[in-house]
Amino acid sequence: VLRTKTGDCNEHATLFCALARSAKLPAKICVGLVYSEDGFYYHAWNEVYIKDKWISVDSVFDQIPADATHIKFIEGELAQQMDILKIIGQIKIKVMEYK
């Protein structure tokens, strides 16, 4: 991912997590939904522990902190991320209002 500069959100989140941890920053991968252009989509992003709090980081959308359209369901490594499969297709979201 670093060398080719390609990959989807999962690869970007994994790379960010590895780089943050190599700099001695606690980091984790989050998976859930994010709103983009015309709807909600499965997505992965990160949280990094800085100054006594977890900060959301989305390297795909270049957001620190990640915006409110990120809905986290799971955090953890690949084994935990696979639990998202249990809820994909079962979630219905209706946006009532936004500003």
PDB file of N, CA and C in Angstrom:
ATOM      1  N   VAL A   1       0.837  -1.191   0.000  1.00  0.00           N
ATOM      2  CA  VAL A   1       0.000   0.000   0.000  1.00  0.00           C
ATOM      3  C   VAL A   1       0.875   1.244   0.000  1.00  0.00           C
ATOM      4  N   LEU A   2       1.890   1.239   0.832  1.00  0.00           N
ATOM      5  CA  LEU A   2       2.779   2.397   0.902  1.00  0.00           C
ATOM      6  C   LEU A   2       3.569   2.568  -0.397  1.00  0.00           C
ATOM      7  N   ARG A   3       4.064   1.466  -0.922  1.00  0.00           N
ATOM      8  CA  ARG A   3       4.888   1.538  -2.131  1.00  0.00           C
ATOM      9  C   ARG A   3       4.043   1.857  -3.365  1.00  0.00           C
ATOM     10  N   THR A   4       2.894   1.200  -3.522  1.00  0.00           N
ATOM     11  CA  THR A   4       2.092   1.361  -4.741  1.00  0.00           C
ATOM     12  C   THR A   4       1.081   2.495  -4.655  1.00  0.00           C
ATOM     13  N   LYS A   5       0.854   2.959  -3.420  1.00  0.00           N
ATOM     14  CA  LYS A   5      -0.149   4.007  -3.199  1.00  0.00           C
ATOM     15  C   LYS A   5      -1.529   3.596  -3.710  1.00  0.00           C
ATOM     16  N   THR A   6      -1.856   2.321  -3.530  1.00  0.00           N
ATOM     17  CA  THR A   6      -3.163   1.804  -3.904  1.00  0.00           C
ATOM     18  C   THR A   6      -3.739   1.006  -2.742  1.00  0.00           C
ATOM     19  N   GLY A   7      -5.021   0.780  -2.799  1.00  0.00           N
ATOM     20  CA  GLY A   7      -5.698  -0.003  -1.778  1.00  0.00           C
ATOM     21  C   GLY A   7      -7.005   0.653  -1.398  1.00  0.00           C
ATOM     22  N   ASP A   8      -7.878  -0.147  -0.805  1.00  0.00           N
ATOM     23  CA  ASP A   8      -9.152   0.405  -0.356  1.00  0.00           C
ATOM     24  C   ASP A   8      -9.030   0.836   1.107  1.00  0.00           C
ATOM     25  N   CYS A   9     -10.145   1.125   1.724  1.00  0.00           N
ATOM     26  CA  CYS A   9     -10.119   1.640   3.091  1.00  0.00           C
ATOM     27  C   CYS A   9      -9.488   0.658   4.072  1.00  0.00           C
ATOM     28  N   ASN A  10      -9.672  -0.632   3.846  1.00  0.00           N
ATOM     29  CA  ASN A  10      -9.080  -1.625   4.750  1.00  0.00           C
ATOM     30  C   ASN A  10      -7.556  -1.566   4.721  1.00  0.00           C
ATOM     31  N   GLU A  11      -6.994  -1.481   3.529  1.00  0.00           N
ATOM     32  CA  GLU A  11      -5.542  -1.405   3.414  1.00  0.00           C
ATOM     33  C   GLU A  11      -5.001  -0.102   3.995  1.00  0.00           C
ATOM     34  N   HIS A  12      -5.697   0.995   3.752  1.00  0.00           N
ATOM     35  CA  HIS A  12      -5.263   2.284   4.307  1.00  0.00           C
ATOM     36  C   HIS A  12      -5.321   2.269   5.833  1.00  0.00           C
ATOM     37  N   ALA A  13      -6.378   1.695   6.386  1.00  0.00           N
ATOM     38  CA  ALA A  13      -6.516   1.634   7.846  1.00  0.00           C
ATOM     39  C   ALA A  13      -5.434   0.743   8.455  1.00  0.00           C
ATOM     40  N   THR A  14      -5.131  -0.366   7.797  1.00  0.00           N
ATOM     41  CA  THR A  14      -4.091  -1.266   8.288  1.00  0.00           C
ATOM     42  C   THR A  14      -2.725  -0.580   8.247  1.00  0.00           C
ATOM     43  N   LEU A  15      -2.430   0.109   7.157  1.00  0.00           N
ATOM     44  CA  LEU A  15      -1.158   0.821   7.030  1.00  0.00           C
ATOM     45  C   LEU A  15      -1.039   1.921   8.087  1.00  0.00           C
ATOM     46  N   PHE A  16      -2.095   2.724   8.254  1.00  0.00           N
ATOM     47  CA  PHE A  16      -2.053   3.786   9.261  1.00  0.00           C
ATOM     48  C   PHE A  16      -1.796   3.206  10.644  1.00  0.00           C
ATOM     49  N   CYS A  17      -2.477   2.117  10.953  1.00  0.00           N
ATOM     50  CA  CYS A  17      -2.331   1.487  12.261  1.00  0.00           C
ATOM     51  C   CYS A  17      -0.883   1.039  12.473  1.00  0.00           C
ATOM     52  N   ALA A  18      -0.302   0.418  11.475  1.00  0.00           N
ATOM     53  CA  ALA A  18       1.087  -0.042  11.584  1.00  0.00           C
ATOM     54  C   ALA A  18       2.052   1.126  11.744  1.00  0.00           C
ATOM     55  N   LEU A  19       1.855   2.188  10.975  1.00  0.00           N
ATOM     56  CA  LEU A  19       2.739   3.349  11.064  1.00  0.00           C
ATOM     57  C   LEU A  19       2.605   4.050  12.423  1.00  0.00           C
ATOM     58  N   ALA A  20       1.375   4.187  12.900  1.00  0.00           N
ATOM     59  CA  ALA A  20       1.164   4.830  14.203  1.00  0.00           C
ATOM     60  C   ALA A  20       1.813   4.007  15.310  1.00  0.00           C
ATOM     61  N   ARG A  21       1.606   2.705  15.275  1.00  0.00           N
ATOM     62  CA  ARG A  21       2.183   1.849  16.306  1.00  0.00           C
ATOM     63  C   ARG A  21       3.708   1.868  16.246  1.00  0.00           C
ATOM     64  N   SER A  22       4.264   1.961  15.042  1.00  0.00           N
ATOM     65  CA  SER A  22       5.730   2.019  14.937  1.00  0.00           C
ATOM     66  C   SER A  22       6.272   3.318  15.538  1.00  0.00           C
ATOM     67  N   ALA A  23       5.429   4.346  15.604  1.00  0.00           N
ATOM     68  CA  ALA A  23       5.805   5.612  16.241  1.00  0.00           C
ATOM     69  C   ALA A  23       5.401   5.629  17.716  1.00  0.00           C
ATOM     70  N   LYS A  24       5.052   4.451  18.244  1.00  0.00           N
ATOM     71  CA  LYS A  24       4.683   4.281  19.658  1.00  0.00           C
ATOM     72  C   LYS A  24       3.361   4.953  20.025  1.00  0.00           C
ATOM     73  N   LEU A  25       2.478   5.145  19.038  1.00  0.00           N
ATOM     74  CA  LEU A  25       1.137   5.682  19.299  1.00  0.00           C
ATOM     75  C   LEU A  25       0.140   4.533  19.286  1.00  0.00           C
ATOM     76  N   PRO A  26      -0.611   4.340  20.353  1.00  0.00           N
ATOM     77  CA  PRO A  26      -1.644   3.310  20.337  1.00  0.00           C
ATOM     78  C   PRO A  26      -2.657   3.617  19.230  1.00  0.00           C
ATOM     79  N   ALA A  27      -2.991   2.608  18.449  1.00  0.00           N
ATOM     80  CA  ALA A  27      -3.924   2.808  17.334  1.00  0.00           C
ATOM     81  C   ALA A  27      -4.773   1.558  17.147  1.00  0.00           C
ATOM     82  N   LYS A  28      -5.962   1.757  16.601  1.00  0.00           N
ATOM     83  CA  LYS A  28      -6.847   0.624  16.324  1.00  0.00           C
ATOM     84  C   LYS A  28      -7.613   0.885  15.036  1.00  0.00           C
ATOM     85  N   ILE A  29      -8.136  -0.181  14.486  1.00  0.00           N
ATOM     86  CA  ILE A  29      -8.933  -0.111  13.262  1.00  0.00           C
ATOM     87  C   ILE A  29     -10.406  -0.167  13.647  1.00  0.00           C
ATOM     88  N   CYS A  30     -11.205   0.695  13.032  1.00  0.00           N
ATOM     89  CA  CYS A  30     -12.645   0.742  13.253  1.00  0.00           C
ATOM     90  C   CYS A  30     -13.346   0.385  11.950  1.00  0.00           C
ATOM     91  N   VAL A  31     -14.449  -0.330  12.045  1.00  0.00           N
ATOM     92  CA  VAL A  31     -15.249  -0.625  10.855  1.00  0.00           C
ATOM     93  C   VAL A  31     -16.707  -0.296  11.142  1.00  0.00           C
ATOM     94  N   GLY A  32     -17.368   0.131  10.100  1.00  0.00           N
ATOM     95  CA  GLY A  32     -18.772   0.495  10.220  1.00  0.00           C
ATOM     96  C   GLY A  32     -19.260   1.076   8.918  1.00  0.00           C
ATOM     97  N   LEU A  33     -20.032   2.133   9.028  1.00  0.00           N
ATOM     98  CA  LEU A  33     -20.599   2.798   7.859  1.00  0.00           C
ATOM     99  C   LEU A  33     -20.132   4.241   7.811  1.00  0.00           C
ATOM    100  N   VAL A  34     -20.062   4.761   6.599  1.00  0.00           N
ATOM    101  CA  VAL A  34     -19.772   6.175   6.404  1.00  0.00           C
ATOM    102  C   VAL A  34     -20.661   6.682   5.276  1.00  0.00           C
ATOM    103  N   TYR A  35     -21.107   7.912   5.401  1.00  0.00           N
ATOM    104  CA  TYR A  35     -21.905   8.513   4.335  1.00  0.00           C
ATOM    105  C   TYR A  35     -20.966   9.156   3.328  1.00  0.00           C
ATOM    106  N   SER A  36     -21.186   8.849   2.054  1.00  0.00           N
ATOM    107  CA  SER A  36     -20.379   9.431   0.987  1.00  0.00           C
ATOM    108  C   SER A  36     -21.243   9.665  -0.237  1.00  0.00           C
ATOM    109  N   GLU A  37     -21.389  10.908  -0.599  1.00  0.00           N
ATOM    110  CA  GLU A  37     -22.086  11.360  -1.807  1.00  0.00           C
ATOM    111  C   GLU A  37     -23.552  10.971  -1.892  1.00  0.00           C
ATOM    112  N   ASP A  38     -23.861   9.683  -1.992  1.00  0.00           N
ATOM    113  CA  ASP A  38     -25.260   9.303  -2.229  1.00  0.00           C
ATOM    114  C   ASP A  38     -25.776   8.213  -1.302  1.00  0.00           C
ATOM    115  N   GLY A  39     -25.038   7.899  -0.262  1.00  0.00           N
ATOM    116  CA  GLY A  39     -25.520   6.869   0.644  1.00  0.00           C
ATOM    117  C   GLY A  39     -24.471   6.421   1.634  1.00  0.00           C
ATOM    118  N   PHE A  40     -24.862   5.458   2.466  1.00  0.00           N
ATOM    119  CA  PHE A  40     -23.955   4.893   3.452  1.00  0.00           C
ATOM    120  C   PHE A  40     -23.271   3.659   2.875  1.00  0.00           C
ATOM    121  N   TYR A  41     -21.991   3.511   3.183  1.00  0.00           N
ATOM    122  CA  TYR A  41     -21.197   2.409   2.666  1.00  0.00           C
ATOM    123  C   TYR A  41     -20.343   1.813   3.780  1.00  0.00           C
ATOM    124  N   TYR A  42     -20.038   0.509   3.652  1.00  0.00           N
ATOM    125  CA  TYR A  42     -19.099  -0.139   4.561  1.00  0.00           C
ATOM    126  C   TYR A  42     -17.773   0.589   4.450  1.00  0.00           C
ATOM    127  N   HIS A  43     -17.106   0.782   5.594  1.00  0.00           N
ATOM    128  CA  HIS A  43     -15.868   1.548   5.579  1.00  0.00           C
ATOM    129  C   HIS A  43     -14.995   1.169   6.775  1.00  0.00           C
ATOM    130  N   ALA A  44     -13.705   1.382   6.624  1.00  0.00           N
ATOM    131  CA  ALA A  44     -12.755   1.178   7.722  1.00  0.00           C
ATOM    132  C   ALA A  44     -11.934   2.450   7.905  1.00  0.00           C
ATOM    133  N   TRP A  45     -11.673   2.813   9.139  1.00  0.00           N
ATOM    134  CA  TRP A  45     -10.857   3.979   9.469  1.00  0.00           C
ATOM    135  C   TRP A  45     -10.125   3.663  10.779  1.00  0.00           C
ATOM    136  N   ASN A  46      -9.491   4.633  11.379  1.00  0.00           N
ATOM    137  CA  ASN A  46      -8.691   4.379  12.577  1.00  0.00           C
ATOM    138  C   ASN A  46      -9.069   5.289  13.725  1.00  0.00           C
ATOM    139  N   GLU A  47      -8.597   4.887  14.893  1.00  0.00           N
ATOM    140  CA  GLU A  47      -8.554   5.761  16.056  1.00  0.00           C
ATOM    141  C   GLU A  47      -7.141   5.666  16.609  1.00  0.00           C
ATOM    142  N   VAL A  48      -6.608   6.796  17.034  1.00  0.00           N
ATOM    143  CA  VAL A  48      -5.263   6.861  17.594  1.00  0.00           C
ATOM    144  C   VAL A  48      -5.355   7.578  18.942  1.00  0.00           C
ATOM    145  N   TYR A  49      -4.590   7.085  19.917  1.00  0.00           N
ATOM    146  CA  TYR A  49      -4.640   7.621  21.271  1.00  0.00           C
ATOM    147  C   TYR A  49      -3.595   8.714  21.436  1.00  0.00           C
ATOM    148  N   ILE A  50      -4.071   9.947  21.572  1.00  0.00           N
ATOM    149  CA  ILE A  50      -3.189  11.107  21.708  1.00  0.00           C
ATOM    150  C   ILE A  50      -3.736  12.003  22.826  1.00  0.00           C
ATOM    151  N   LYS A  51      -2.858  12.428  23.708  1.00  0.00           N
ATOM    152  CA  LYS A  51      -3.217  13.338  24.802  1.00  0.00           C
ATOM    153  C   LYS A  51      -4.412  12.837  25.605  1.00  0.00           C
ATOM    154  N   ASP A  52      -4.344  11.597  26.018  1.00  0.00           N
ATOM    155  CA  ASP A  52      -5.344  10.981  26.903  1.00  0.00           C
ATOM    156  C   ASP A  52      -6.725  10.810  26.301  1.00  0.00           C
ATOM    157  N   LYS A  53      -6.818  10.762  24.953  1.00  0.00           N
ATOM    158  CA  LYS A  53      -8.121  10.466  24.345  1.00  0.00           C
ATOM    159  C   LYS A  53      -7.929   9.838  22.973  1.00  0.00           C
ATOM    160  N   TRP A  54      -8.945   9.081  22.561  1.00  0.00           N
ATOM    161  CA  TRP A  54      -8.941   8.459  21.240  1.00  0.00           C
ATOM    162  C   TRP A  54      -9.455   9.462  20.214  1.00  0.00           C
ATOM    163  N   ILE A  55      -8.701   9.655  19.148  1.00  0.00           N
ATOM    164  CA  ILE A  55      -9.052  10.579  18.067  1.00  0.00           C
ATOM    165  C   ILE A  55      -9.308   9.746  16.813  1.00  0.00           C
ATOM    166  N   SER A  56     -10.419   9.993  16.151  1.00  0.00           N
ATOM    167  CA  SER A  56     -10.722   9.277  14.914  1.00  0.00           C
ATOM    168  C   SER A  56      -9.919   9.869  13.758  1.00  0.00           C
ATOM    169  N   VAL A  57      -9.441   8.986  12.894  1.00  0.00           N
ATOM    170  CA  VAL A  57      -8.606   9.391  11.757  1.00  0.00           C
ATOM    171  C   VAL A  57      -9.066   8.613  10.537  1.00  0.00           C
ATOM    172  N   ASP A  58      -9.410   9.320   9.471  1.00  0.00           N
ATOM    173  CA  ASP A  58      -9.784   8.661   8.223  1.00  0.00           C
ATOM    174  C   ASP A  58      -8.800   9.086   7.141  1.00  0.00           C
ATOM    175  N   SER A  59      -7.855   8.202   6.835  1.00  0.00           N
ATOM    176  CA  SER A  59      -6.826   8.536   5.846  1.00  0.00           C
ATOM    177  C   SER A  59      -7.368   8.524   4.420  1.00  0.00           C
ATOM    178  N   VAL A  60      -8.465   7.833   4.176  1.00  0.00           N
ATOM    179  CA  VAL A  60      -9.062   7.829   2.838  1.00  0.00           C
ATOM    180  C   VAL A  60      -9.710   9.183   2.541  1.00  0.00           C
ATOM    181  N   PHE A  61     -10.453   9.711   3.503  1.00  0.00           N
ATOM    182  CA  PHE A  61     -11.139  10.991   3.317  1.00  0.00           C
ATOM    183  C   PHE A  61     -10.339  12.173   3.871  1.00  0.00           C
ATOM    184  N   ASP A  62      -9.126  11.901   4.352  1.00  0.00           N
ATOM    185  CA  ASP A  62      -8.235  12.944   4.865  1.00  0.00           C
ATOM    186  C   ASP A  62      -8.915  13.760   5.970  1.00  0.00           C
ATOM    187  N   GLN A  63      -9.426  13.052   6.996  1.00  0.00           N
ATOM    188  CA  GLN A  63     -10.143  13.714   8.085  1.00  0.00           C
ATOM    189  C   GLN A  63      -9.531  13.368   9.441  1.00  0.00           C
ATOM    190  N   ILE A  64      -9.175  14.403  10.181  1.00  0.00           N
ATOM    191  CA  ILE A  64      -8.736  14.272  11.569  1.00  0.00           C
ATOM    192  C   ILE A  64      -9.393  15.404  12.348  1.00  0.00           C
ATOM    193  N   PRO A  65     -10.365  15.171  13.159  1.00  0.00           N
ATOM    194  CA  PRO A  65     -11.015  13.883  13.389  1.00  0.00           C
ATOM    195  C   PRO A  65     -11.971  13.541  12.247  1.00  0.00           C
ATOM    196  N   ALA A  66     -12.301  12.268  12.152  1.00  0.00           N
ATOM    197  CA  ALA A  66     -13.282  11.840  11.151  1.00  0.00           C
ATOM    198  C   ALA A  66     -14.628  12.482  11.486  1.00  0.00           C
ATOM    199  N   ASP A  67     -15.388  12.799  10.453  1.00  0.00           N
ATOM    200  CA  ASP A  67     -16.640  13.530  10.685  1.00  0.00           C
ATOM    201  C   ASP A  67     -17.749  12.641  11.252  1.00  0.00           C
ATOM    202  N   ALA A  68     -18.874  13.263  11.530  1.00  0.00           N
ATOM    203  CA  ALA A  68     -19.988  12.595  12.200  1.00  0.00           C
ATOM    204  C   ALA A  68     -20.700  11.571  11.329  1.00  0.00           C
ATOM    205  N   THR A  69     -20.362  11.481  10.045  1.00  0.00           N
ATOM    206  CA  THR A  69     -21.004  10.483   9.191  1.00  0.00           C
ATOM    207  C   THR A  69     -20.397   9.097   9.378  1.00  0.00           C
ATOM    208  N   HIS A  70     -19.360   8.971  10.194  1.00  0.00           N
ATOM    209  CA  HIS A  70     -18.751   7.677  10.500  1.00  0.00           C
ATOM    210  C   HIS A  70     -19.527   7.025  11.644  1.00  0.00           C
ATOM    211  N   ILE A  71     -20.093   5.869  11.382  1.00  0.00           N
ATOM    212  CA  ILE A  71     -20.845   5.128  12.396  1.00  0.00           C
ATOM    213  C   ILE A  71     -20.075   3.843  12.682  1.00  0.00           C
ATOM    214  N   LYS A  72     -19.444   3.804  13.838  1.00  0.00           N
ATOM    215  CA  LYS A  72     -18.596   2.662  14.194  1.00  0.00           C
ATOM    216  C   LYS A  72     -19.431   1.542  14.797  1.00  0.00           C
ATOM    217  N   PHE A  73     -19.221   0.326  14.273  1.00  0.00           N
ATOM    218  CA  PHE A  73     -19.855  -0.862  14.830  1.00  0.00           C
ATOM    219  C   PHE A  73     -18.854  -1.778  15.517  1.00  0.00           C
ATOM    220  N   ILE A  74     -17.646  -1.835  14.982  1.00  0.00           N
ATOM    221  CA  ILE A  74     -16.649  -2.790  15.474  1.00  0.00           C
ATOM    222  C   ILE A  74     -15.284  -2.123  15.466  1.00  0.00           C
ATOM    223  N   GLU A  75     -14.450  -2.501  16.425  1.00  0.00           N
ATOM    224  CA  GLU A  75     -13.054  -2.085  16.395  1.00  0.00           C
ATOM    225  C   GLU A  75     -12.199  -3.308  16.696  1.00  0.00           C
ATOM    226  N   GLY A  76     -11.033  -3.344  16.084  1.00  0.00           N
ATOM    227  CA  GLY A  76     -10.129  -4.455  16.342  1.00  0.00           C
ATOM    228  C   GLY A  76      -9.455  -4.955  15.084  1.00  0.00           C
ATOM    229  N   GLU A  77      -8.801  -6.077  15.224  1.00  0.00           N
ATOM    230  CA  GLU A  77      -8.059  -6.672  14.123  1.00  0.00           C
ATOM    231  C   GLU A  77      -9.008  -7.446  13.208  1.00  0.00           C
ATOM    232  N   LEU A  78      -8.462  -8.119  12.209  1.00  0.00           N
ATOM    233  CA  LEU A  78      -9.258  -8.781  11.179  1.00  0.00           C
ATOM    234  C   LEU A  78     -10.302  -9.740  11.748  1.00  0.00           C
ATOM    235  N   ALA A  79      -9.957 -10.498  12.759  1.00  0.00           N
ATOM    236  CA  ALA A  79     -10.907 -11.452  13.343  1.00  0.00           C
ATOM    237  C   ALA A  79     -12.163 -10.743  13.857  1.00  0.00           C
ATOM    238  N   GLN A  80     -11.982  -9.608  14.517  1.00  0.00           N
ATOM    239  CA  GLN A  80     -13.126  -8.850  15.023  1.00  0.00           C
ATOM    240  C   GLN A  80     -13.870  -8.157  13.874  1.00  0.00           C
ATOM    241  N   GLN A  81     -13.133  -7.690  12.877  1.00  0.00           N
ATOM    242  CA  GLN A  81     -13.750  -6.982  11.755  1.00  0.00           C
ATOM    243  C   GLN A  81     -14.714  -7.870  10.988  1.00  0.00           C
ATOM    244  N   MET A  82     -14.454  -9.160  10.947  1.00  0.00           N
ATOM    245  CA  MET A  82     -15.321 -10.078  10.208  1.00  0.00           C
ATOM    246  C   MET A  82     -16.733 -10.136  10.801  1.00  0.00           C
ATOM    247  N   ASP A  83     -16.885  -9.720  12.049  1.00  0.00           N
ATOM    248  CA  ASP A  83     -18.212  -9.703  12.677  1.00  0.00           C
ATOM    249  C   ASP A  83     -19.162  -8.748  11.975  1.00  0.00           C
ATOM    250  N   ILE A  84     -18.643  -7.817  11.186  1.00  0.00           N
ATOM    251  CA  ILE A  84     -19.496  -6.875  10.456  1.00  0.00           C
ATOM    252  C   ILE A  84     -20.379  -7.626   9.461  1.00  0.00           C
ATOM    253  N   LEU A  85     -19.927  -8.787   9.011  1.00  0.00           N
ATOM    254  CA  LEU A  85     -20.702  -9.570   8.049  1.00  0.00           C
ATOM    255  C   LEU A  85     -22.062  -9.979   8.604  1.00  0.00           C
ATOM    256  N   LYS A  86     -22.167 -10.084   9.915  1.00  0.00           N
ATOM    257  CA  LYS A  86     -23.433 -10.466  10.554  1.00  0.00           C
ATOM    258  C   LYS A  86     -24.508  -9.403  10.408  1.00  0.00           C
ATOM    259  N   ILE A  87     -24.098  -8.141  10.207  1.00  0.00           N
ATOM    260  CA  ILE A  87     -25.096  -7.073  10.158  1.00  0.00           C
ATOM    261  C   ILE A  87     -25.244  -6.426   8.779  1.00  0.00           C
ATOM    262  N   ILE A  88     -24.309  -6.722   7.866  1.00  0.00           N
ATOM    263  CA  ILE A  88     -24.417  -6.141   6.520  1.00  0.00           C
ATOM    264  C   ILE A  88     -25.720  -6.597   5.881  1.00  0.00           C
ATOM    265  N   GLY A  89     -26.435  -5.676   5.311  1.00  0.00           N
ATOM    266  CA  GLY A  89     -27.712  -5.967   4.671  1.00  0.00           C
ATOM    267  C   GLY A  89     -28.894  -5.917   5.610  1.00  0.00           C
ATOM    268  N   GLN A  90     -28.647  -5.778   6.901  1.00  0.00           N
ATOM    269  CA  GLN A  90     -29.741  -5.754   7.872  1.00  0.00           C
ATOM    270  C   GLN A  90     -29.987  -4.362   8.454  1.00  0.00           C
ATOM    271  N   ILE A  91     -29.122  -3.420   8.131  1.00  0.00           N
ATOM    272  CA  ILE A  91     -29.222  -2.081   8.703  1.00  0.00           C
ATOM    273  C   ILE A  91     -29.994  -1.174   7.756  1.00  0.00           C
ATOM    274  N   LYS A  92     -30.921  -0.439   8.313  1.00  0.00           N
ATOM    275  CA  LYS A  92     -31.659   0.553   7.537  1.00  0.00           C
ATOM    276  C   LYS A  92     -31.446   1.906   8.206  1.00  0.00           C
ATOM    277  N   ILE A  93     -30.999   2.864   7.423  1.00  0.00           N
ATOM    278  CA  ILE A  93     -30.744   4.206   7.941  1.00  0.00           C
ATOM    279  C   ILE A  93     -31.583   5.194   7.158  1.00  0.00           C
ATOM    280  N   LYS A  94     -32.274   6.034   7.881  1.00  0.00           N
ATOM    281  CA  LYS A  94     -33.052   7.090   7.252  1.00  0.00           C
ATOM    282  C   LYS A  94     -32.564   8.417   7.816  1.00  0.00           C
ATOM    283  N   VAL A  95     -32.028   9.267   6.939  1.00  0.00           N
ATOM    284  CA  VAL A  95     -31.577  10.582   7.363  1.00  0.00           C
ATOM    285  C   VAL A  95     -32.795  11.485   7.461  1.00  0.00           C
ATOM    286  N   MET A  96     -33.072  11.955   8.648  1.00  0.00           N
ATOM    287  CA  MET A  96     -34.243  12.786   8.879  1.00  0.00           C
ATOM    288  C   MET A  96     -33.953  14.257   8.587  1.00  0.00           C
ATOM    289  N   GLU A  97     -32.762  14.697   8.973  1.00  0.00           N
ATOM    290  CA  GLU A  97     -32.403  16.097   8.807  1.00  0.00           C
ATOM    291  C   GLU A  97     -30.892  16.223   9.021  1.00  0.00           C
ATOM    292  N   TYR A  98     -30.285  17.154   8.353  1.00  0.00           N
ATOM    293  CA  TYR A  98     -28.867  17.435   8.584  1.00  0.00           C
ATOM    294  C   TYR A  98     -28.605  18.904   8.306  1.00  0.00           C
ATOM    295  N   LYS A  99     -27.528  19.388   8.873  1.00  0.00           N
ATOM    296  CA  LYS A  99     -27.164  20.788   8.698  1.00  0.00           C
ATOM    297  C   LYS A  99     -25.732  20.875   8.260  1.00  0.00           C
TER     298      LYS A  99
END
